[in-house]
Protein backbone atom coordinates (compact mmCIF):
# COMPACT_ATOMS: atom_id res chain seq x y z
CA MET A 1 114.90 76.89 128.98
CA THR A 2 114.78 76.24 125.24
CA ARG A 3 115.23 79.27 123.06
CA PRO A 4 112.51 79.88 120.44
CA LYS A 5 113.40 78.95 116.89
CA GLY A 6 113.14 82.54 115.74
CA ALA A 7 115.55 83.65 118.48
CA ARG A 8 118.08 80.97 117.47
CA LEU A 9 117.93 82.09 113.84
CA ALA A 10 118.26 85.73 114.86
CA GLY A 11 121.65 84.94 116.37
CA LEU A 12 123.08 83.77 113.06
CA SER A 13 125.48 86.09 111.24
CA LEU A 14 124.82 87.26 107.70
CA ALA A 15 127.47 84.89 106.33
CA SER A 16 125.89 81.93 108.15
CA ARG A 17 122.44 82.87 106.89
CA LEU A 18 123.67 83.10 103.30
CA LEU A 19 125.46 79.74 103.65
CA VAL A 20 122.36 78.04 105.07
CA ASN A 21 120.21 79.52 102.32
CA ASN A 22 122.60 78.32 99.60
CA LEU A 23 122.80 74.83 101.14
CA LEU A 24 119.03 74.63 101.24
CA VAL A 25 118.93 75.55 97.56
CA VAL A 26 121.52 72.84 96.80
CA LEU A 27 119.62 70.20 98.82
CA ALA A 28 116.34 71.14 97.18
CA GLY A 29 117.91 70.87 93.73
CA ALA A 30 119.61 67.56 94.57
CA GLY A 31 116.41 66.09 95.94
CA THR A 32 114.51 67.18 92.88
CA VAL A 33 117.10 65.59 90.57
CA LEU A 34 117.13 62.34 92.58
CA VAL A 35 113.34 61.95 92.68
CA THR A 36 113.04 62.79 89.00
CA ALA A 37 115.76 60.29 88.06
CA LEU A 38 114.17 57.51 90.12
CA LEU A 39 110.75 58.13 88.65
CA VAL A 40 111.71 58.67 85.02
CA GLY A 41 114.95 56.63 84.64
CA PRO A 42 113.63 53.10 85.25
CA ALA A 43 110.60 53.59 83.02
CA VAL A 44 112.73 54.88 80.17
CA PHE A 45 115.27 52.06 80.66
CA GLU A 46 112.56 49.40 80.66
CA TYR A 47 111.10 50.85 77.50
CA HIS A 48 114.48 50.57 75.76
CA LEU A 49 114.91 46.98 77.01
CA GLN A 50 111.62 46.05 75.45
CA ARG A 51 112.63 47.71 72.22
CA ALA A 52 115.93 45.78 72.28
CA ASP A 53 113.99 42.46 72.45
CA LEU A 54 116.53 40.65 74.69
CA GLY A 55 114.32 37.57 74.94
CA PRO A 56 112.11 35.98 77.58
CA ASP A 57 114.85 35.47 80.21
CA GLN A 58 113.19 37.23 83.12
CA LEU A 59 116.22 36.76 85.42
CA VAL A 60 118.50 38.60 83.02
CA GLN A 61 116.07 41.49 82.68
CA GLU A 62 115.74 41.85 86.48
CA HIS A 63 119.54 41.77 86.89
CA VAL A 64 119.98 44.44 84.24
CA ALA A 65 117.25 46.58 85.84
CA ARG A 66 118.88 46.30 89.28
CA ALA A 67 122.25 47.21 87.80
CA PHE A 68 120.72 50.28 86.20
CA ASP A 69 119.03 51.36 89.45
CA GLN A 70 122.24 50.92 91.43
CA SER A 71 124.30 52.77 88.86
CA ILE A 72 121.79 55.62 88.91
CA LEU A 73 121.80 55.81 92.71
CA VAL A 74 125.59 55.57 93.05
CA SER A 75 126.35 58.09 90.31
CA LEU A 76 123.73 60.55 91.57
CA GLY A 77 124.85 60.10 95.17
CA VAL A 78 128.50 60.71 94.40
CA GLY A 79 127.64 63.62 92.07
CA ILE A 80 125.35 65.22 94.63
CA LEU A 81 127.94 64.79 97.39
CA ILE A 82 130.71 66.39 95.33
CA ALA A 83 128.37 69.14 94.10
CA GLY A 84 127.21 69.80 97.68
CA VAL A 85 130.74 70.10 99.04
CA THR A 86 131.78 72.35 96.15
CA ALA A 87 128.63 74.49 96.49
CA ALA A 88 129.14 74.75 100.26
CA ALA A 89 132.74 75.93 99.83
CA ILE A 90 131.80 78.48 97.17
CA SER A 91 128.78 79.62 99.19
CA TRP A 92 130.94 80.14 102.27
CA LEU A 93 133.45 82.21 100.37
CA VAL A 94 130.73 84.30 98.71
CA ALA A 95 128.87 84.72 102.00
CA LYS A 96 132.00 85.93 103.76
CA ARG A 97 132.74 88.29 100.87
CA LEU A 98 129.21 89.74 100.98
CA ALA A 99 129.12 90.02 104.77
CA ALA A 100 132.43 91.88 105.03
CA PRO A 101 131.19 95.25 103.60
CA VAL A 102 128.09 95.14 105.80
CA ALA A 103 130.23 94.48 108.86
CA ASP A 104 132.55 97.32 107.81
CA ALA A 105 129.63 99.73 107.47
CA ALA A 106 128.30 98.66 110.89
CA ASP A 107 131.75 99.21 112.42
CA VAL A 108 132.00 102.69 110.88
CA ALA A 109 128.50 103.56 112.12
CA SER A 110 129.49 102.42 115.62
CA ARG A 111 132.63 104.58 115.53
CA LEU A 112 130.57 107.56 114.37
CA ALA A 113 128.21 107.00 117.28
CA ASP A 114 131.23 107.06 119.61
CA GLY A 115 132.25 110.46 118.26
CA ARG A 116 135.06 109.37 115.94
CA LEU A 117 133.76 111.40 113.02
CA ASP A 118 136.76 110.77 110.77
CA ALA A 119 135.66 107.14 110.16
CA ARG A 120 134.80 106.30 106.55
CA VAL A 121 133.62 103.23 104.62
CA VAL A 122 135.77 101.97 101.74
CA ASP A 123 133.80 101.12 98.60
CA PRO A 124 134.07 97.29 98.23
CA ARG A 125 133.36 97.53 94.49
CA MET A 126 130.79 94.76 94.63
CA GLY A 127 127.93 96.39 92.79
CA PRO A 128 125.80 99.53 92.96
CA GLU A 129 124.00 98.48 96.14
CA PHE A 130 127.19 98.31 98.20
CA THR A 131 128.49 101.49 96.55
CA THR A 132 125.28 103.27 97.54
CA LEU A 133 125.62 101.97 101.10
CA ALA A 134 129.23 103.17 101.38
CA THR A 135 128.40 106.54 99.83
CA SER A 136 125.43 107.08 102.15
CA VAL A 137 127.43 106.24 105.29
CA ASN A 138 130.31 108.49 104.17
CA GLU A 139 127.93 111.35 103.42
CA LEU A 140 126.43 110.95 106.87
CA ALA A 141 129.91 110.98 108.41
CA HIS A 142 130.88 114.08 106.43
CA ARG A 143 127.68 115.85 107.47
CA LEU A 144 128.24 114.97 111.13
CA GLU A 145 131.86 116.13 110.94
CA ALA A 146 130.87 119.42 109.30
CA THR A 147 128.11 119.96 111.85
CA GLU A 148 130.48 119.31 114.74
CA GLN A 149 133.06 121.68 113.27
CA THR A 150 130.36 124.33 112.81
CA ARG A 151 129.19 123.81 116.38
CA ARG A 152 132.68 124.27 117.81
CA GLN A 153 133.36 127.31 115.70
CA LEU A 154 129.98 128.81 116.53
CA THR A 155 130.50 128.21 120.24
CA GLY A 156 133.79 130.09 120.17
CA GLU A 157 132.41 132.93 118.06
CA LEU A 158 129.29 133.18 120.18
CA ALA A 159 131.29 133.41 123.39
CA HIS A 160 133.33 136.23 121.86
CA GLN A 161 130.27 138.12 120.64
CA LEU A 162 128.33 137.74 123.87
CA ARG A 163 131.21 138.95 125.99
CA THR A 164 130.79 142.65 125.10
CA PRO A 165 127.04 143.14 125.75
CA VAL A 166 127.11 140.90 128.83
CA ALA A 167 130.08 142.82 130.22
CA SER A 168 128.32 146.12 129.49
CA ILE A 169 125.14 145.00 131.26
CA SER A 170 127.11 143.67 134.22
CA ALA A 171 129.17 146.86 134.51
CA THR A 172 126.06 149.04 134.33
CA ILE A 173 124.23 147.02 136.98
CA GLU A 174 127.32 147.05 139.22
CA ALA A 175 127.62 150.81 138.82
CA VAL A 176 123.96 151.26 139.74
CA GLN A 177 124.36 149.03 142.80
CA GLU A 178 127.38 151.01 143.96
CA GLY A 179 125.62 154.31 143.40
CA VAL A 180 127.99 155.44 140.65
CA LEU A 181 125.18 155.63 138.11
CA PRO A 182 121.68 156.83 138.87
CA VAL A 183 118.67 154.78 137.82
CA ASP A 184 117.52 157.26 135.21
CA GLU A 185 116.32 157.06 131.63
CA GLU A 186 119.84 157.05 130.19
CA THR A 187 120.90 154.08 132.33
CA LEU A 188 117.74 152.16 131.54
CA ALA A 189 118.18 152.97 127.83
CA THR A 190 121.72 151.55 127.96
CA LEU A 191 120.49 148.35 129.58
CA GLY A 192 117.61 148.11 127.10
CA GLU A 193 119.92 148.61 124.11
CA GLN A 194 122.33 145.92 125.27
CA SER A 195 119.42 143.55 125.96
CA ARG A 196 118.02 144.17 122.49
CA ARG A 197 121.49 143.55 121.05
CA LEU A 198 121.64 140.20 122.79
CA SER A 199 118.15 139.29 121.62
CA ARG A 200 118.94 140.31 118.04
CA LEU A 201 122.17 138.29 118.14
CA VAL A 202 120.35 135.18 119.36
CA ASP A 203 117.67 135.54 116.68
CA ASP A 204 120.27 135.99 113.95
CA LEU A 205 122.23 132.98 115.14
CA GLU A 206 119.11 130.82 115.09
CA VAL A 207 118.32 131.84 111.51
CA VAL A 208 121.83 131.29 110.18
CA SER A 209 122.20 127.96 111.98
CA ARG A 210 118.91 126.65 110.63
CA ALA A 211 119.69 127.85 107.12
CA GLN A 212 123.20 126.38 107.04
CA GLU A 213 121.92 123.04 108.35
CA ARG A 214 119.13 122.97 105.74
CA GLN A 215 116.50 123.12 108.50
CA LEU A 216 115.09 126.53 107.64
CA LEU A 217 111.33 126.41 107.19
CA LEU A 218 110.45 127.63 103.70
CA ASN A 219 107.09 128.24 102.02
CA PRO A 220 108.04 128.38 98.34
CA GLU A 221 105.65 129.70 95.71
CA PRO A 222 105.99 131.02 92.14
CA VAL A 223 107.04 134.67 92.36
CA ALA A 224 107.84 137.28 89.71
CA ILE A 225 111.27 138.85 90.12
CA SER A 226 109.80 142.29 89.51
CA GLY A 227 107.57 141.85 92.56
CA LEU A 228 110.52 140.95 94.77
CA VAL A 229 112.63 143.87 93.55
CA ASP A 230 109.81 146.43 93.76
CA ALA A 231 108.85 145.36 97.29
CA ALA A 232 112.43 145.52 98.55
CA VAL A 233 113.07 148.94 97.00
CA ALA A 234 109.79 150.35 98.32
CA ALA A 235 110.52 149.12 101.85
CA HIS A 236 113.95 150.81 101.96
CA ARG A 237 113.40 153.92 99.83
CA GLU A 238 112.74 156.25 102.76
CA ARG A 239 115.88 155.13 104.60
CA PHE A 240 117.98 155.76 101.50
CA ARG A 241 116.39 159.18 101.04
CA ALA A 242 117.24 160.09 104.64
CA ALA A 243 120.83 158.93 104.12
CA GLY A 244 121.16 160.95 100.90
CA VAL A 245 121.82 157.84 98.79
CA HIS A 246 120.06 157.47 95.44
CA LEU A 247 118.26 154.10 95.10
CA SER A 248 117.15 152.81 91.69
CA SER A 249 115.84 149.54 90.29
CA SER A 250 115.34 147.85 86.92
CA VAL A 251 114.15 144.44 85.67
CA GLU A 252 114.93 143.21 82.17
CA ARG A 253 112.15 141.84 80.04
CA GLY A 254 112.17 138.05 79.94
CA THR A 255 113.62 137.59 83.42
CA PRO A 256 112.20 134.23 84.55
CA ALA A 257 110.00 133.88 87.58
CA VAL A 258 111.29 131.81 90.49
CA THR A 259 109.80 129.43 93.04
CA VAL A 260 110.94 130.77 96.42
CA ASP A 261 109.74 131.82 99.84
CA PRO A 262 109.10 135.52 99.14
CA ASP A 263 109.48 136.54 102.79
CA ARG A 264 112.92 134.90 103.02
CA ILE A 265 114.12 136.43 99.76
CA GLN A 266 112.88 139.81 100.94
CA GLU A 267 114.99 139.24 104.04
CA VAL A 268 118.01 138.60 101.80
CA LEU A 269 117.40 141.73 99.73
CA GLY A 270 116.82 143.70 102.93
CA ASN A 271 120.19 142.60 104.33
CA LEU A 272 121.95 143.50 101.08
CA LEU A 273 120.29 146.92 100.90
CA ASP A 274 121.02 147.53 104.58
CA ASN A 275 124.65 146.64 103.95
CA ALA A 276 124.74 148.93 100.90
CA VAL A 277 123.29 152.00 102.61
CA ARG A 278 125.65 151.62 105.60
CA HIS A 279 128.72 151.49 103.36
CA THR A 280 127.70 154.14 100.81
CA PRO A 281 128.30 157.81 101.70
CA SER A 282 125.77 160.56 101.09
CA GLY A 283 125.52 161.40 97.41
CA GLY A 284 126.31 157.84 96.39
CA THR A 285 124.11 155.44 94.43
CA VAL A 286 122.74 151.95 94.91
CA ALA A 287 121.15 150.11 91.97
CA VAL A 288 119.05 146.95 92.16
CA SER A 289 118.76 145.17 88.81
CA ALA A 290 117.48 141.81 87.58
CA HIS A 291 118.06 139.92 84.36
CA PRO A 292 118.06 136.35 82.98
CA ASP A 293 121.15 134.25 83.46
CA GLU A 294 123.30 133.90 80.35
CA ASP A 295 123.56 130.12 80.83
CA LYS A 296 120.74 128.74 78.67
CA LYS A 297 121.24 125.15 79.90
CA LYS A 298 120.33 126.06 83.47
CA PRO A 299 117.82 128.94 83.34
CA ALA A 300 118.06 131.24 86.33
CA ALA A 301 117.09 134.70 87.44
CA VAL A 302 119.89 137.03 88.54
CA ILE A 303 119.40 139.90 90.99
CA GLU A 304 122.28 142.32 91.49
CA VAL A 305 122.68 144.96 94.21
CA LYS A 306 125.46 147.36 93.22
CA ASP A 307 126.66 150.34 95.23
CA SER A 308 129.24 153.10 94.86
CA GLY A 309 130.40 152.80 98.44
CA CYS A 310 133.63 151.92 100.20
CA GLY A 311 134.03 148.46 98.63
CA PHE A 312 136.51 145.88 99.93
CA PRO A 313 139.79 144.21 98.88
CA GLU A 314 139.35 141.70 96.07
CA GLY A 315 140.67 138.88 98.24
CA ASP A 316 137.88 139.41 100.80
CA ALA A 317 135.03 138.39 98.47
CA GLU A 318 134.43 135.17 100.43
CA ARG A 319 135.59 136.29 103.85
CA ILE A 320 132.85 138.93 104.16
CA PHE A 321 130.26 136.11 104.29
CA ASP A 322 131.85 134.60 107.40
CA ARG A 323 129.93 134.82 110.66
CA PHE A 324 130.58 137.97 112.69
CA GLU A 325 132.76 139.44 109.93
CA LYS A 326 132.12 143.18 109.83
CA ALA A 327 133.77 146.56 109.69
CA ALA A 328 135.08 147.99 112.95
CA ASP A 329 132.53 150.83 112.91
CA SER A 330 129.56 148.67 111.87
CA PRO A 331 126.66 148.60 114.37
CA GLY A 332 125.36 145.25 113.09
CA SER A 333 125.97 141.76 114.43
CA GLY A 334 128.12 140.68 111.49
CA LEU A 335 125.59 138.01 110.52
CA GLY A 336 123.58 139.83 107.83
CA LEU A 337 125.56 138.59 104.82
CA THR A 338 125.97 135.14 106.38
CA ILE A 339 122.20 134.85 106.78
CA ALA A 340 121.62 136.16 103.26
CA ARG A 341 123.91 133.54 101.67
CA ALA A 342 122.50 130.72 103.82
CA ILE A 343 118.93 131.58 102.79
CA VAL A 344 119.82 131.78 99.10
CA GLU A 345 121.64 128.45 99.25
CA ALA A 346 118.62 126.94 100.99
CA HIS A 347 116.74 127.86 97.78
CA HIS A 348 119.46 126.07 95.73
CA GLY A 349 120.82 129.39 94.55
CA THR A 350 124.08 131.29 94.96
CA LEU A 351 125.11 134.62 96.44
CA THR A 352 128.48 136.10 95.50
CA ALA A 353 130.24 139.42 96.06
CA GLN A 354 132.64 141.41 93.93
CA SER A 355 134.61 144.63 94.33
CA ALA A 356 137.39 146.30 92.40
CA GLY A 357 138.98 147.39 95.67
CA PRO A 358 138.50 149.80 98.59
CA GLY A 359 136.63 152.95 97.64
CA ARG A 360 135.43 151.51 94.32
CA GLY A 361 132.03 150.16 95.33
CA ALA A 362 130.75 146.60 95.60
CA SER A 363 128.18 144.39 93.93
CA PHE A 364 126.29 141.39 95.32
CA THR A 365 124.79 138.91 92.87
CA ILE A 366 121.96 136.47 93.63
CA ALA A 367 121.26 133.64 91.18
CA LEU A 368 118.05 131.65 91.72
CA PRO A 369 116.86 128.67 89.64
CA ALA A 370 114.12 129.68 87.24
CA GLY A 371 110.52 128.61 87.77
CA SER A 372 108.10 127.43 85.08
CA SER A 373 106.91 130.85 83.93
CA ARG A 374 108.31 134.19 82.80
CA ASP A 375 108.19 137.48 84.59
CA PRO A 376 105.37 139.42 82.90
CA ARG A 377 107.59 142.54 82.67
């Protein structure tokens, strides 16, 4: 069975396709030169013969004309043959050179598909197109490698975190089955609390995973910083009053508005305030302030949550944002600060922490890119 023409061409490599294309260009150019020479050359030669006035000897004129035609054909034929061979050799070398980076990128993509995530494409330095191709494939490989590393780390951390509530539920159920514990309100409350802990842990993990993988659904809109700060303070004021911690807020005039998802930023501020009230003893203070960033080249709004609580060692400023990192007596899941940073970074902002040391308080600073308008306050 004869293969269709399109199928035969589809089997050609990139180098072969480039060579065939270049040879077709050479043949087209050679044919054009040959036809033009045969059409124009004799007429021009005959015109010059007539101008030379060589006499009435018709035999001489025909012999000269044939000699001219043969010389034209021979010289063009030899020239075209040499030019064709030279062009074919150069085209083959160029085609192989151009096909090599594409084949390299395909090989790297195949290795990535097989799970060898350390594969990378070397920039062939053959122009911006190939550089873009190499950069894109390497960025994909880096993203896949980071995602796989995150997945492995998360799996280990999740197994560790799930072990305690699952063991508690299993032990309680076993005790009930053996008659050690009665099925009363206290037992049911224990089971309910552990179930809620598991549910809260799963929800927190989903949020932080989506945020860190840039898959968090956001509904950004222009928002005044004063509105964000006032809403967060109002939502937590009663809890601070009950804990005996003084909560205050202030927004400097000229603080730029931002384009963010207000619900997500409220979640960030809520986590920071929750962290502050849990680590600040009664009689302490927590201040929420906002002001413009001092960098005029990249306008931004800065929100700072500062407490007078227990603080942390200076070297732990980054570690406290790790998943499941928390104090031994903390009732939380250890994901609050991780979620807060992931959400801020999803808005192209930054969240940093600072403390002068244990017992000297802590401050958390959010920097968000400025929107197009100014905060009216």
